[in-house]
Amino acid sequence: MDTKKLIALVVIVFLGFWMFTDPAGLADTSKSAASSGWDLTTQAFSGVIDFVGAMD
């Protein structure tokens, strides 16, 4: 079995187990991860906008 497929299978099994044993914890973790990802994206775009604006 390919290593990538094995890792993907382990992650899927872990997330499935987590979903059935602690769905509220998985939801909270997903929400905080999505929020952090959005904050990082907005900071990156702000940095690019500031950089391009400073090139004038």
PDB file of N, CA and C in Angstrom:
ATOM      1  N   MET A   1       0.850  -1.178   0.000  1.00  0.00           N
ATOM      2  CA  MET A   1       0.000   0.000   0.000  1.00  0.00           C
ATOM      3  C   MET A   1       0.892   1.237   0.000  1.00  0.00           C
ATOM      4  N   ASP A   2       0.499   2.213  -0.774  1.00  0.00           N
ATOM      5  CA  ASP A   2       1.261   3.438  -0.879  1.00  0.00           C
ATOM      6  C   ASP A   2       1.230   4.205   0.448  1.00  0.00           C
ATOM      7  N   THR A   3       2.318   4.859   0.775  1.00  0.00           N
ATOM      8  CA  THR A   3       2.422   5.577   2.048  1.00  0.00           C
ATOM      9  C   THR A   3       1.395   6.702   2.144  1.00  0.00           C
ATOM     10  N   LYS A   4       1.173   7.431   1.055  1.00  0.00           N
ATOM     11  CA  LYS A   4       0.204   8.525   1.070  1.00  0.00           C
ATOM     12  C   LYS A   4      -1.204   8.003   1.327  1.00  0.00           C
ATOM     13  N   LYS A   5      -1.530   6.871   0.726  1.00  0.00           N
ATOM     14  CA  LYS A   5      -2.853   6.285   0.938  1.00  0.00           C
ATOM     15  C   LYS A   5      -3.007   5.820   2.376  1.00  0.00           C
ATOM     16  N   LEU A   6      -1.957   5.269   2.941  1.00  0.00           N
ATOM     17  CA  LEU A   6      -1.997   4.804   4.318  1.00  0.00           C
ATOM     18  C   LEU A   6      -2.184   5.978   5.286  1.00  0.00           C
ATOM     19  N   ILE A   7      -1.463   7.053   5.057  1.00  0.00           N
ATOM     20  CA  ILE A   7      -1.601   8.244   5.910  1.00  0.00           C
ATOM     21  C   ILE A   7      -3.003   8.819   5.786  1.00  0.00           C
ATOM     22  N   ALA A   8      -3.536   8.908   4.557  1.00  0.00           N
ATOM     23  CA  ALA A   8      -4.894   9.414   4.352  1.00  0.00           C
ATOM     24  C   ALA A   8      -5.913   8.531   5.066  1.00  0.00           C
ATOM     25  N   LEU A   9      -5.741   7.217   4.990  1.00  0.00           N
ATOM     26  CA  LEU A   9      -6.647   6.298   5.663  1.00  0.00           C
ATOM     27  C   LEU A   9      -6.599   6.472   7.176  1.00  0.00           C
ATOM     28  N   VAL A  10      -5.416   6.624   7.735  1.00  0.00           N
ATOM     29  CA  VAL A  10      -5.275   6.832   9.180  1.00  0.00           C
ATOM     30  C   VAL A  10      -5.949   8.135   9.606  1.00  0.00           C
ATOM     31  N   VAL A  11      -5.771   9.199   8.820  1.00  0.00           N
ATOM     32  CA  VAL A  11      -6.399  10.483   9.145  1.00  0.00           C
ATOM     33  C   VAL A  11      -7.919  10.364   9.089  1.00  0.00           C
ATOM     34  N   ILE A  12      -8.442   9.702   8.068  1.00  0.00           N
ATOM     35  CA  ILE A  12      -9.891   9.538   7.942  1.00  0.00           C
ATOM     36  C   ILE A  12     -10.456   8.723   9.099  1.00  0.00           C
ATOM     37  N   VAL A  13      -9.770   7.647   9.468  1.00  0.00           N
ATOM     38  CA  VAL A  13     -10.230   6.828  10.600  1.00  0.00           C
ATOM     39  C   VAL A  13     -10.178   7.631  11.892  1.00  0.00           C
ATOM     40  N   PHE A  14      -9.120   8.415  12.079  1.00  0.00           N
ATOM     41  CA  PHE A  14      -9.012   9.231  13.291  1.00  0.00           C
ATOM     42  C   PHE A  14     -10.124  10.266  13.361  1.00  0.00           C
ATOM     43  N   LEU A  15     -10.386  10.961  12.236  1.00  0.00           N
ATOM     44  CA  LEU A  15     -11.454  11.965  12.239  1.00  0.00           C
ATOM     45  C   LEU A  15     -12.823  11.330  12.444  1.00  0.00           C
ATOM     46  N   GLY A  16     -13.041  10.155  11.866  1.00  0.00           N
ATOM     47  CA  GLY A  16     -14.300   9.453  12.091  1.00  0.00           C
ATOM     48  C   GLY A  16     -14.478   9.049  13.541  1.00  0.00           C
ATOM     49  N   PHE A  17     -13.414   8.526  14.149  1.00  0.00           N
ATOM     50  CA  PHE A  17     -13.468   8.162  15.565  1.00  0.00           C
ATOM     51  C   PHE A  17     -13.746   9.383  16.429  1.00  0.00           C
ATOM     52  N   TRP A  18     -13.072  10.497  16.117  1.00  0.00           N
ATOM     53  CA  TRP A  18     -13.252  11.728  16.882  1.00  0.00           C
ATOM     54  C   TRP A  18     -14.677  12.247  16.722  1.00  0.00           C
ATOM     55  N   MET A  19     -15.225  12.139  15.496  1.00  0.00           N
ATOM     56  CA  MET A  19     -16.573  12.630  15.244  1.00  0.00           C
ATOM     57  C   MET A  19     -17.605  11.850  16.070  1.00  0.00           C
ATOM     58  N   PHE A  20     -17.415  10.548  16.219  1.00  0.00           N
ATOM     59  CA  PHE A  20     -18.385   9.751  16.968  1.00  0.00           C
ATOM     60  C   PHE A  20     -18.173   9.818  18.472  1.00  0.00           C
ATOM     61  N   THR A  21     -16.962  10.075  18.936  1.00  0.00           N
ATOM     62  CA  THR A  21     -16.725  10.092  20.381  1.00  0.00           C
ATOM     63  C   THR A  21     -16.873  11.482  20.988  1.00  0.00           C
ATOM     64  N   ASP A  22     -16.521  12.538  20.239  1.00  0.00           N
ATOM     65  CA  ASP A  22     -16.597  13.907  20.771  1.00  0.00           C
ATOM     66  C   ASP A  22     -16.933  14.891  19.651  1.00  0.00           C
ATOM     67  N   PRO A  23     -18.184  14.879  19.181  1.00  0.00           N
ATOM     68  CA  PRO A  23     -18.525  15.753  18.058  1.00  0.00           C
ATOM     69  C   PRO A  23     -18.424  17.239  18.390  1.00  0.00           C
ATOM     70  N   ALA A  24     -18.709  17.617  19.631  1.00  0.00           N
ATOM     71  CA  ALA A  24     -18.612  19.032  20.009  1.00  0.00           C
ATOM     72  C   ALA A  24     -17.154  19.490  19.995  1.00  0.00           C
ATOM     73  N   GLY A  25     -16.251  18.648  20.444  1.00  0.00           N
ATOM     74  CA  GLY A  25     -14.836  18.996  20.420  1.00  0.00           C
ATOM     75  C   GLY A  25     -14.311  19.130  19.007  1.00  0.00           C
ATOM     76  N   LEU A  26     -14.740  18.240  18.107  1.00  0.00           N
ATOM     77  CA  LEU A  26     -14.340  18.333  16.704  1.00  0.00           C
ATOM     78  C   LEU A  26     -14.882  19.602  16.072  1.00  0.00           C
ATOM     79  N   ALA A  27     -16.125  19.961  16.383  1.00  0.00           N
ATOM     80  CA  ALA A  27     -16.722  21.176  15.837  1.00  0.00           C
ATOM     81  C   ALA A  27     -15.986  22.414  16.337  1.00  0.00           C
ATOM     82  N   ASP A  28     -15.657  22.452  17.616  1.00  0.00           N
ATOM     83  CA  ASP A  28     -14.920  23.600  18.163  1.00  0.00           C
ATOM     84  C   ASP A  28     -13.540  23.730  17.528  1.00  0.00           C
ATOM     85  N   THR A  29     -12.856  22.608  17.374  1.00  0.00           N
ATOM     86  CA  THR A  29     -11.531  22.624  16.763  1.00  0.00           C
ATOM     87  C   THR A  29     -11.599  23.069  15.310  1.00  0.00           C
ATOM     88  N   SER A  30     -12.596  22.578  14.590  1.00  0.00           N
ATOM     89  CA  SER A  30     -12.765  22.970  13.183  1.00  0.00           C
ATOM     90  C   SER A  30     -13.065  24.451  13.065  1.00  0.00           C
ATOM     91  N   LYS A  31     -13.903  24.960  13.958  1.00  0.00           N
ATOM     92  CA  LYS A  31     -14.258  26.377  13.912  1.00  0.00           C
ATOM     93  C   LYS A  31     -13.040  27.256  14.196  1.00  0.00           C
ATOM     94  N   SER A  32     -12.252  26.892  15.186  1.00  0.00           N
ATOM     95  CA  SER A  32     -11.076  27.701  15.520  1.00  0.00           C
ATOM     96  C   SER A  32     -10.014  27.599  14.422  1.00  0.00           C
ATOM     97  N   ALA A  33      -9.880  26.435  13.803  1.00  0.00           N
ATOM     98  CA  ALA A  33      -8.910  26.285  12.712  1.00  0.00           C
ATOM     99  C   ALA A  33      -9.330  27.111  11.501  1.00  0.00           C
ATOM    100  N   ALA A  34     -10.612  27.110  11.194  1.00  0.00           N
ATOM    101  CA  ALA A  34     -11.095  27.899  10.060  1.00  0.00           C
ATOM    102  C   ALA A  34     -10.922  29.392  10.333  1.00  0.00           C
ATOM    103  N   SER A  35     -11.188  29.803  11.551  1.00  0.00           N
ATOM    104  CA  SER A  35     -11.029  31.211  11.914  1.00  0.00           C
ATOM    105  C   SER A  35      -9.568  31.633  11.826  1.00  0.00           C
ATOM    106  N   SER A  36      -8.682  30.791  12.305  1.00  0.00           N
ATOM    107  CA  SER A  36      -7.252  31.100  12.228  1.00  0.00           C
ATOM    108  C   SER A  36      -6.774  31.136  10.782  1.00  0.00           C
ATOM    109  N   GLY A  37      -7.277  30.227   9.972  1.00  0.00           N
ATOM    110  CA  GLY A  37      -6.917  30.225   8.555  1.00  0.00           C
ATOM    111  C   GLY A  37      -7.385  31.478   7.847  1.00  0.00           C
ATOM    112  N   TRP A  38      -8.590  31.936   8.172  1.00  0.00           N
ATOM    113  CA  TRP A  38      -9.113  33.156   7.556  1.00  0.00           C
ATOM    114  C   TRP A  38      -8.291  34.367   8.003  1.00  0.00           C
ATOM    115  N   ASP A  39      -7.946  34.433   9.278  1.00  0.00           N
ATOM    116  CA  ASP A  39      -7.120  35.536   9.769  1.00  0.00           C
ATOM    117  C   ASP A  39      -5.761  35.559   9.077  1.00  0.00           C
ATOM    118  N   LEU A  40      -5.158  34.406   8.892  1.00  0.00           N
ATOM    119  CA  LEU A  40      -3.872  34.318   8.203  1.00  0.00           C
ATOM    120  C   LEU A  40      -3.996  34.770   6.754  1.00  0.00           C
ATOM    121  N   THR A  41      -5.080  34.394   6.093  1.00  0.00           N
ATOM    122  CA  THR A  41      -5.302  34.798   4.700  1.00  0.00           C
ATOM    123  C   THR A  41      -5.474  36.302   4.584  1.00  0.00           C
ATOM    124  N   THR A  42      -6.252  36.900   5.473  1.00  0.00           N
ATOM    125  CA  THR A  42      -6.451  38.345   5.403  1.00  0.00           C
ATOM    126  C   THR A  42      -5.158  39.092   5.707  1.00  0.00           C
ATOM    127  N   GLN A  43      -4.340  38.586   6.623  1.00  0.00           N
ATOM    128  CA  GLN A  43      -3.053  39.215   6.901  1.00  0.00           C
ATOM    129  C   GLN A  43      -2.123  39.124   5.701  1.00  0.00           C
ATOM    130  N   ALA A  44      -2.143  37.990   5.018  1.00  0.00           N
ATOM    131  CA  ALA A  44      -1.286  37.821   3.841  1.00  0.00           C
ATOM    132  C   ALA A  44      -1.696  38.793   2.737  1.00  0.00           C
ATOM    133  N   PHE A  45      -2.987  38.902   2.465  1.00  0.00           N
ATOM    134  CA  PHE A  45      -3.439  39.822   1.424  1.00  0.00           C
ATOM    135  C   PHE A  45      -3.188  41.274   1.821  1.00  0.00           C
ATOM    136  N   SER A  46      -3.333  41.603   3.089  1.00  0.00           N
ATOM    137  CA  SER A  46      -3.023  42.970   3.539  1.00  0.00           C
ATOM    138  C   SER A  46      -1.546  43.275   3.334  1.00  0.00           C
ATOM    139  N   GLY A  47      -0.701  42.300   3.607  1.00  0.00           N
ATOM    140  CA  GLY A  47       0.732  42.483   3.387  1.00  0.00           C
ATOM    141  C   GLY A  47       1.063  42.693   1.922  1.00  0.00           C
ATOM    142  N   VAL A  48       0.416  41.930   1.043  1.00  0.00           N
ATOM    143  CA  VAL A  48       0.646  42.096  -0.396  1.00  0.00           C
ATOM    144  C   VAL A  48       0.150  43.458  -0.851  1.00  0.00           C
ATOM    145  N   ILE A  49      -1.001  43.885  -0.394  1.00  0.00           N
ATOM    146  CA  ILE A  49      -1.545  45.192  -0.761  1.00  0.00           C
ATOM    147  C   ILE A  49      -0.622  46.302  -0.270  1.00  0.00           C
ATOM    148  N   ASP A  50      -0.134  46.211   0.953  1.00  0.00           N
ATOM    149  CA  ASP A  50       0.792  47.213   1.477  1.00  0.00           C
ATOM    150  C   ASP A  50       2.088  47.242   0.673  1.00  0.00           C
ATOM    151  N   PHE A  51       2.593  46.062   0.302  1.00  0.00           N
ATOM    152  CA  PHE A  51       3.832  45.978  -0.473  1.00  0.00           C
ATOM    153  C   PHE A  51       3.660  46.614  -1.837  1.00  0.00           C
ATOM    154  N   VAL A  52       2.571  46.284  -2.518  1.00  0.00           N
ATOM    155  CA  VAL A  52       2.330  46.850  -3.852  1.00  0.00           C
ATOM    156  C   VAL A  52       2.082  48.352  -3.743  1.00  0.00           C
ATOM    157  N   GLY A  53       1.391  48.779  -2.711  1.00  0.00           N
ATOM    158  CA  GLY A  53       1.134  50.207  -2.515  1.00  0.00           C
ATOM    159  C   GLY A  53       2.404  50.978  -2.227  1.00  0.00           C
ATOM    160  N   ALA A  54       3.378  50.350  -1.582  1.00  0.00           N
ATOM    161  CA  ALA A  54       4.631  51.015  -1.247  1.00  0.00           C
ATOM    162  C   ALA A  54       5.556  51.114  -2.448  1.00  0.00           C
ATOM    163  N   MET A  55       5.261  50.438  -3.531  1.00  0.00           N
ATOM    164  CA  MET A  55       6.124  50.454  -4.704  1.00  0.00           C
ATOM    165  C   MET A  55       5.940  51.716  -5.563  1.00  0.00           C
ATOM    166  N   ASP A  56       4.964  52.536  -5.233  1.00  0.00           N
ATOM    167  CA  ASP A  56       4.746  53.783  -6.011  1.00  0.00           C
ATOM    168  C   ASP A  56       5.868  54.750  -5.842  1.00  0.00           C
TER     169      ASP A  56
END
